[in-house]
Amino acid sequence: MRYILALALACAAVPAWGQSVGERPMKASETYHRCAAAAPSMADQRQCLRDELAWARQALELVKSDTTDAHSDGLWRASVDHDCAAEYDLAGGGNSADMRRDACLIEALYDRADYLQRAGRW
């Protein structure tokens, strides 16, 4: 009975960490999705991610202002660095490690840009 319960719990946990890189980043642009779908190799997919990361950084810079709270921004950055380093570590330093980290950064940057648009300087 314990074996069955352990197996059921293990299977239930798979979707939480089994998401493929192709499904991420979640808030990526249509341009990224077209690029990734057409990419013939992992190297090309990496370039699609790098391009989207540049767009995400630019989107955040467009909504940031001189009145953005520096302390809040620093705490947010530390949290993102920690979370995205964990994404890299989850891949075990393998071929997709940098792609997982970049997808995490893209999602975080777009989330922060959305938040700053709604909440203002915080």
N, C-alpha and C. Protein backbone atom coordinates (compact mmCIF):
# COMPACT_ATOMS: atom_id res chain seq x y z
N MET A 1 0.82 -1.20 0.00
CA MET A 1 0.00 0.00 0.00
C MET A 1 0.86 1.26 0.00
N ARG A 2 1.94 1.27 0.78
CA ARG A 2 2.84 2.43 0.80
C ARG A 2 3.47 2.65 -0.57
N TYR A 3 3.79 1.54 -1.23
CA TYR A 3 4.42 1.64 -2.54
C TYR A 3 3.47 2.33 -3.53
N ILE A 4 2.23 1.97 -3.51
CA ILE A 4 1.24 2.56 -4.42
C ILE A 4 1.07 4.05 -4.12
N LEU A 5 0.99 4.39 -2.84
CA LEU A 5 0.85 5.79 -2.46
C LEU A 5 2.08 6.60 -2.87
N ALA A 6 3.27 6.06 -2.65
CA ALA A 6 4.50 6.75 -3.03
C ALA A 6 4.57 6.94 -4.54
N LEU A 7 4.16 5.93 -5.29
CA LEU A 7 4.17 6.03 -6.74
C LEU A 7 3.17 7.08 -7.23
N ALA A 8 1.99 7.10 -6.62
CA ALA A 8 0.97 8.08 -7.00
C ALA A 8 1.44 9.49 -6.71
N LEU A 9 2.07 9.71 -5.57
CA LEU A 9 2.58 11.04 -5.23
C LEU A 9 3.72 11.46 -6.15
N ALA A 10 4.57 10.52 -6.50
CA ALA A 10 5.68 10.83 -7.40
C ALA A 10 5.17 11.22 -8.78
N CYS A 11 4.17 10.52 -9.27
CA CYS A 11 3.60 10.84 -10.59
C CYS A 11 2.87 12.18 -10.56
N ALA A 12 2.25 12.50 -9.47
CA ALA A 12 1.52 13.76 -9.37
C ALA A 12 2.48 14.95 -9.36
N ALA A 13 3.70 14.75 -8.90
CA ALA A 13 4.66 15.84 -8.79
C ALA A 13 5.35 16.16 -10.10
N VAL A 14 5.31 15.27 -11.07
CA VAL A 14 6.05 15.44 -12.31
C VAL A 14 5.71 16.74 -13.05
N PRO A 15 4.44 17.13 -13.22
CA PRO A 15 4.18 18.35 -13.99
C PRO A 15 4.80 19.61 -13.37
N ALA A 16 5.03 19.63 -12.09
CA ALA A 16 5.58 20.82 -11.45
C ALA A 16 7.01 21.09 -11.90
N TRP A 17 7.78 20.05 -12.15
CA TRP A 17 9.16 20.27 -12.57
C TRP A 17 9.46 19.70 -13.94
N GLY A 18 8.47 19.15 -14.59
CA GLY A 18 8.69 18.52 -15.88
C GLY A 18 8.35 19.39 -17.07
N GLN A 19 8.17 20.68 -16.88
CA GLN A 19 7.81 21.56 -17.98
C GLN A 19 8.99 21.69 -18.93
N SER A 20 8.73 21.58 -20.19
CA SER A 20 9.81 21.69 -21.16
C SER A 20 10.12 23.16 -21.43
N VAL A 21 11.32 23.40 -21.93
CA VAL A 21 11.74 24.76 -22.23
C VAL A 21 10.89 25.33 -23.35
N GLY A 22 10.38 24.49 -24.24
CA GLY A 22 9.58 24.95 -25.35
C GLY A 22 8.30 25.64 -24.91
N GLU A 23 7.80 25.36 -23.73
CA GLU A 23 6.59 25.98 -23.22
C GLU A 23 6.88 27.29 -22.52
N ARG A 24 8.10 27.61 -22.34
CA ARG A 24 8.50 28.81 -21.64
C ARG A 24 9.31 29.67 -22.56
N PRO A 25 9.39 30.92 -22.32
CA PRO A 25 8.80 31.72 -21.27
C PRO A 25 7.32 31.99 -21.53
N MET A 26 6.57 32.06 -20.44
CA MET A 26 5.13 32.12 -20.55
C MET A 26 4.59 33.42 -21.13
N LYS A 27 5.25 34.52 -20.93
CA LYS A 27 4.75 35.81 -21.44
C LYS A 27 5.54 36.28 -22.65
N ALA A 28 6.16 35.36 -23.34
CA ALA A 28 6.98 35.73 -24.48
C ALA A 28 6.12 36.25 -25.63
N SER A 29 6.75 37.02 -26.48
CA SER A 29 6.06 37.63 -27.62
C SER A 29 5.77 36.59 -28.71
N GLU A 30 4.88 36.96 -29.60
CA GLU A 30 4.59 36.10 -30.75
C GLU A 30 5.83 35.94 -31.62
N THR A 31 6.64 36.98 -31.69
CA THR A 31 7.89 36.90 -32.46
C THR A 31 8.77 35.79 -31.91
N TYR A 32 8.88 35.72 -30.58
CA TYR A 32 9.66 34.64 -29.98
C TYR A 32 9.09 33.28 -30.34
N HIS A 33 7.79 33.12 -30.20
CA HIS A 33 7.17 31.82 -30.46
C HIS A 33 7.37 31.40 -31.92
N ARG A 34 7.27 32.34 -32.84
CA ARG A 34 7.53 32.01 -34.25
C ARG A 34 8.99 31.63 -34.45
N CYS A 35 9.88 32.37 -33.83
CA CYS A 35 11.31 32.10 -33.94
C CYS A 35 11.63 30.71 -33.38
N ALA A 36 11.13 30.41 -32.20
CA ALA A 36 11.40 29.12 -31.56
C ALA A 36 10.82 27.97 -32.36
N ALA A 37 9.63 28.17 -32.93
CA ALA A 37 9.00 27.11 -33.72
C ALA A 37 9.79 26.84 -35.00
N ALA A 38 10.40 27.86 -35.55
CA ALA A 38 11.14 27.70 -36.80
C ALA A 38 12.61 27.32 -36.58
N ALA A 39 13.06 27.37 -35.33
CA ALA A 39 14.47 27.12 -35.04
C ALA A 39 14.83 25.65 -35.32
N PRO A 40 15.80 25.42 -36.20
CA PRO A 40 16.16 24.04 -36.53
C PRO A 40 17.08 23.37 -35.50
N SER A 41 17.66 24.15 -34.61
CA SER A 41 18.59 23.56 -33.65
C SER A 41 18.47 24.25 -32.29
N MET A 42 19.09 23.64 -31.30
CA MET A 42 19.09 24.22 -29.96
C MET A 42 19.86 25.54 -29.95
N ALA A 43 20.88 25.65 -30.76
CA ALA A 43 21.64 26.90 -30.85
C ALA A 43 20.74 28.02 -31.37
N ASP A 44 19.90 27.70 -32.34
CA ASP A 44 18.97 28.70 -32.86
C ASP A 44 17.91 29.06 -31.83
N GLN A 45 17.46 28.08 -31.05
CA GLN A 45 16.50 28.36 -29.98
C GLN A 45 17.12 29.27 -28.93
N ARG A 46 18.39 29.05 -28.64
CA ARG A 46 19.09 29.92 -27.69
C ARG A 46 19.09 31.37 -28.18
N GLN A 47 19.31 31.55 -29.49
CA GLN A 47 19.33 32.91 -30.03
C GLN A 47 17.94 33.54 -29.93
N CYS A 48 16.90 32.75 -30.14
CA CYS A 48 15.53 33.26 -29.98
C CYS A 48 15.33 33.74 -28.54
N LEU A 49 15.80 32.95 -27.57
CA LEU A 49 15.69 33.34 -26.17
C LEU A 49 16.49 34.60 -25.87
N ARG A 50 17.69 34.68 -26.41
CA ARG A 50 18.52 35.87 -26.17
C ARG A 50 17.85 37.13 -26.73
N ASP A 51 17.26 36.99 -27.92
CA ASP A 51 16.57 38.14 -28.51
C ASP A 51 15.37 38.55 -27.65
N GLU A 52 14.62 37.56 -27.17
CA GLU A 52 13.46 37.86 -26.32
C GLU A 52 13.90 38.46 -24.99
N LEU A 53 15.02 37.99 -24.47
CA LEU A 53 15.55 38.55 -23.22
C LEU A 53 15.90 40.03 -23.41
N ALA A 54 16.47 40.36 -24.53
CA ALA A 54 16.79 41.77 -24.82
C ALA A 54 15.51 42.60 -24.89
N TRP A 55 14.45 42.06 -25.50
CA TRP A 55 13.16 42.76 -25.57
C TRP A 55 12.57 42.92 -24.18
N ALA A 56 12.66 41.89 -23.36
CA ALA A 56 12.11 41.96 -22.00
C ALA A 56 12.84 43.01 -21.17
N ARG A 57 14.16 43.08 -21.31
CA ARG A 57 14.93 44.10 -20.58
C ARG A 57 14.53 45.51 -21.05
N GLN A 58 14.33 45.65 -22.35
CA GLN A 58 13.93 46.94 -22.88
C GLN A 58 12.52 47.31 -22.40
N ALA A 59 11.62 46.33 -22.35
CA ALA A 59 10.25 46.60 -21.87
C ALA A 59 10.28 47.09 -20.43
N LEU A 60 11.13 46.50 -19.61
CA LEU A 60 11.23 46.94 -18.21
C LEU A 60 11.81 48.35 -18.14
N GLU A 61 12.83 48.63 -18.92
CA GLU A 61 13.43 49.96 -18.89
C GLU A 61 12.45 51.04 -19.33
N LEU A 62 11.55 50.70 -20.23
CA LEU A 62 10.57 51.68 -20.70
C LEU A 62 9.59 52.10 -19.62
N VAL A 63 9.27 51.20 -18.69
CA VAL A 63 8.30 51.54 -17.65
C VAL A 63 8.96 52.02 -16.36
N LYS A 64 10.26 51.75 -16.20
CA LYS A 64 10.94 52.25 -15.01
C LYS A 64 11.08 53.76 -15.12
N SER A 65 11.11 54.39 -13.99
CA SER A 65 11.30 55.84 -13.99
C SER A 65 12.30 56.21 -12.91
N ASP A 66 12.61 57.48 -12.85
CA ASP A 66 13.54 57.97 -11.83
C ASP A 66 12.95 57.82 -10.43
N THR A 67 11.64 57.69 -10.34
CA THR A 67 11.00 57.58 -9.04
C THR A 67 10.83 56.13 -8.58
N THR A 68 11.29 55.16 -9.38
CA THR A 68 11.21 53.77 -8.96
C THR A 68 12.07 53.58 -7.72
N ASP A 69 11.49 52.96 -6.71
CA ASP A 69 12.17 52.77 -5.44
C ASP A 69 13.38 51.85 -5.62
N ALA A 70 14.57 52.36 -5.37
CA ALA A 70 15.81 51.62 -5.58
C ALA A 70 15.91 50.41 -4.65
N HIS A 71 15.47 50.56 -3.41
CA HIS A 71 15.54 49.46 -2.47
C HIS A 71 14.64 48.30 -2.91
N SER A 72 13.42 48.63 -3.29
CA SER A 72 12.47 47.63 -3.78
C SER A 72 13.02 46.95 -5.03
N ASP A 73 13.59 47.75 -5.91
CA ASP A 73 14.15 47.20 -7.14
C ASP A 73 15.32 46.27 -6.84
N GLY A 74 16.14 46.63 -5.88
CA GLY A 74 17.27 45.77 -5.49
C GLY A 74 16.81 44.45 -4.90
N LEU A 75 15.77 44.51 -4.06
CA LEU A 75 15.23 43.27 -3.49
C LEU A 75 14.62 42.39 -4.57
N TRP A 76 13.92 43.02 -5.51
CA TRP A 76 13.34 42.26 -6.62
C TRP A 76 14.44 41.58 -7.42
N ARG A 77 15.50 42.32 -7.72
CA ARG A 77 16.62 41.77 -8.51
C ARG A 77 17.27 40.60 -7.79
N ALA A 78 17.48 40.71 -6.49
CA ALA A 78 18.09 39.61 -5.72
C ALA A 78 17.20 38.37 -5.76
N SER A 79 15.91 38.57 -5.65
CA SER A 79 14.96 37.46 -5.71
C SER A 79 15.00 36.78 -7.08
N VAL A 80 15.02 37.57 -8.13
CA VAL A 80 15.07 37.03 -9.49
C VAL A 80 16.39 36.28 -9.72
N ASP A 81 17.48 36.87 -9.29
CA ASP A 81 18.78 36.21 -9.45
C ASP A 81 18.79 34.85 -8.75
N HIS A 82 18.23 34.80 -7.55
CA HIS A 82 18.16 33.56 -6.79
C HIS A 82 17.27 32.53 -7.50
N ASP A 83 16.08 32.95 -7.90
CA ASP A 83 15.15 32.03 -8.55
C ASP A 83 15.69 31.50 -9.87
N CYS A 84 16.27 32.38 -10.66
CA CYS A 84 16.75 31.95 -11.97
C CYS A 84 18.04 31.13 -11.87
N ALA A 85 18.83 31.37 -10.83
CA ALA A 85 19.99 30.50 -10.58
C ALA A 85 19.52 29.10 -10.22
N ALA A 86 18.42 29.01 -9.49
CA ALA A 86 17.84 27.71 -9.15
C ALA A 86 17.35 26.99 -10.40
N GLU A 87 16.78 27.73 -11.34
CA GLU A 87 16.35 27.13 -12.62
C GLU A 87 17.56 26.54 -13.34
N TYR A 88 18.65 27.26 -13.34
CA TYR A 88 19.89 26.78 -13.96
C TYR A 88 20.36 25.50 -13.26
N ASP A 89 20.34 25.52 -11.94
CA ASP A 89 20.80 24.37 -11.17
C ASP A 89 19.90 23.15 -11.36
N LEU A 90 18.60 23.38 -11.54
CA LEU A 90 17.67 22.27 -11.75
C LEU A 90 18.00 21.49 -13.02
N ALA A 91 18.57 22.17 -13.99
CA ALA A 91 18.96 21.50 -15.23
C ALA A 91 20.28 20.77 -15.07
N GLY A 92 20.90 20.90 -13.92
CA GLY A 92 22.15 20.19 -13.66
C GLY A 92 23.31 20.66 -14.51
N GLY A 93 23.24 21.90 -14.97
CA GLY A 93 24.32 22.43 -15.79
C GLY A 93 24.34 21.80 -17.18
N GLY A 94 23.27 21.13 -17.56
CA GLY A 94 23.20 20.48 -18.86
C GLY A 94 22.98 21.45 -20.01
N ASN A 95 22.67 20.89 -21.18
CA ASN A 95 22.51 21.68 -22.39
C ASN A 95 21.43 22.75 -22.28
N SER A 96 20.39 22.47 -21.51
CA SER A 96 19.27 23.42 -21.43
C SER A 96 19.36 24.35 -20.22
N ALA A 97 20.42 24.28 -19.44
CA ALA A 97 20.51 25.07 -18.21
C ALA A 97 20.42 26.56 -18.48
N ASP A 98 21.19 27.05 -19.46
CA ASP A 98 21.16 28.47 -19.75
C ASP A 98 19.81 28.89 -20.34
N MET A 99 19.16 27.98 -21.06
CA MET A 99 17.85 28.29 -21.63
C MET A 99 16.79 28.39 -20.54
N ARG A 100 16.88 27.53 -19.55
CA ARG A 100 15.95 27.60 -18.42
C ARG A 100 16.14 28.90 -17.65
N ARG A 101 17.39 29.26 -17.42
CA ARG A 101 17.69 30.51 -16.71
C ARG A 101 17.16 31.71 -17.49
N ASP A 102 17.41 31.74 -18.80
CA ASP A 102 16.95 32.86 -19.62
C ASP A 102 15.43 32.94 -19.66
N ALA A 103 14.75 31.80 -19.74
CA ALA A 103 13.28 31.79 -19.72
C ALA A 103 12.77 32.36 -18.40
N CYS A 104 13.42 32.00 -17.31
CA CYS A 104 13.06 32.52 -15.99
C CYS A 104 13.24 34.04 -15.96
N LEU A 105 14.35 34.52 -16.48
CA LEU A 105 14.61 35.97 -16.50
C LEU A 105 13.59 36.71 -17.34
N ILE A 106 13.23 36.15 -18.49
CA ILE A 106 12.24 36.78 -19.36
C ILE A 106 10.91 36.92 -18.63
N GLU A 107 10.47 35.84 -18.00
CA GLU A 107 9.21 35.87 -17.27
C GLU A 107 9.25 36.91 -16.15
N ALA A 108 10.35 36.94 -15.42
CA ALA A 108 10.47 37.88 -14.30
C ALA A 108 10.50 39.32 -14.79
N LEU A 109 11.20 39.59 -15.87
CA LEU A 109 11.28 40.96 -16.40
C LEU A 109 9.92 41.44 -16.89
N TYR A 110 9.20 40.59 -17.60
CA TYR A 110 7.87 40.99 -18.06
C TYR A 110 6.91 41.17 -16.88
N ASP A 111 7.02 40.30 -15.88
CA ASP A 111 6.18 40.44 -14.68
C ASP A 111 6.47 41.76 -13.97
N ARG A 112 7.74 42.11 -13.84
CA ARG A 112 8.11 43.35 -13.17
C ARG A 112 7.63 44.57 -13.96
N ALA A 113 7.76 44.51 -15.27
CA ALA A 113 7.26 45.61 -16.10
C ALA A 113 5.76 45.78 -15.94
N ASP A 114 5.02 44.67 -15.93
CA ASP A 114 3.57 44.74 -15.71
C ASP A 114 3.25 45.33 -14.35
N TYR A 115 4.00 44.89 -13.34
CA TYR A 115 3.76 45.38 -11.98
C TYR A 115 4.02 46.89 -11.87
N LEU A 116 5.13 47.34 -12.44
CA LEU A 116 5.46 48.76 -12.37
C LEU A 116 4.45 49.62 -13.13
N GLN A 117 3.90 49.07 -14.21
CA GLN A 117 2.85 49.81 -14.91
C GLN A 117 1.60 49.96 -14.05
N ARG A 118 1.27 48.91 -13.31
CA ARG A 118 0.07 48.96 -12.46
C ARG A 118 0.30 49.73 -11.18
N ALA A 119 1.41 49.49 -10.52
CA ALA A 119 1.62 50.00 -9.17
C ALA A 119 2.44 51.29 -9.11
N GLY A 120 3.04 51.67 -10.19
CA GLY A 120 3.83 52.89 -10.16
C GLY A 120 5.24 52.65 -9.69
N ARG A 121 5.71 53.47 -8.77
CA ARG A 121 7.12 53.47 -8.41
C ARG A 121 7.58 52.34 -7.50
N TRP A 122 6.67 51.57 -6.95
CA TRP A 122 7.10 50.51 -6.04
C TRP A 122 7.89 49.49 -6.78
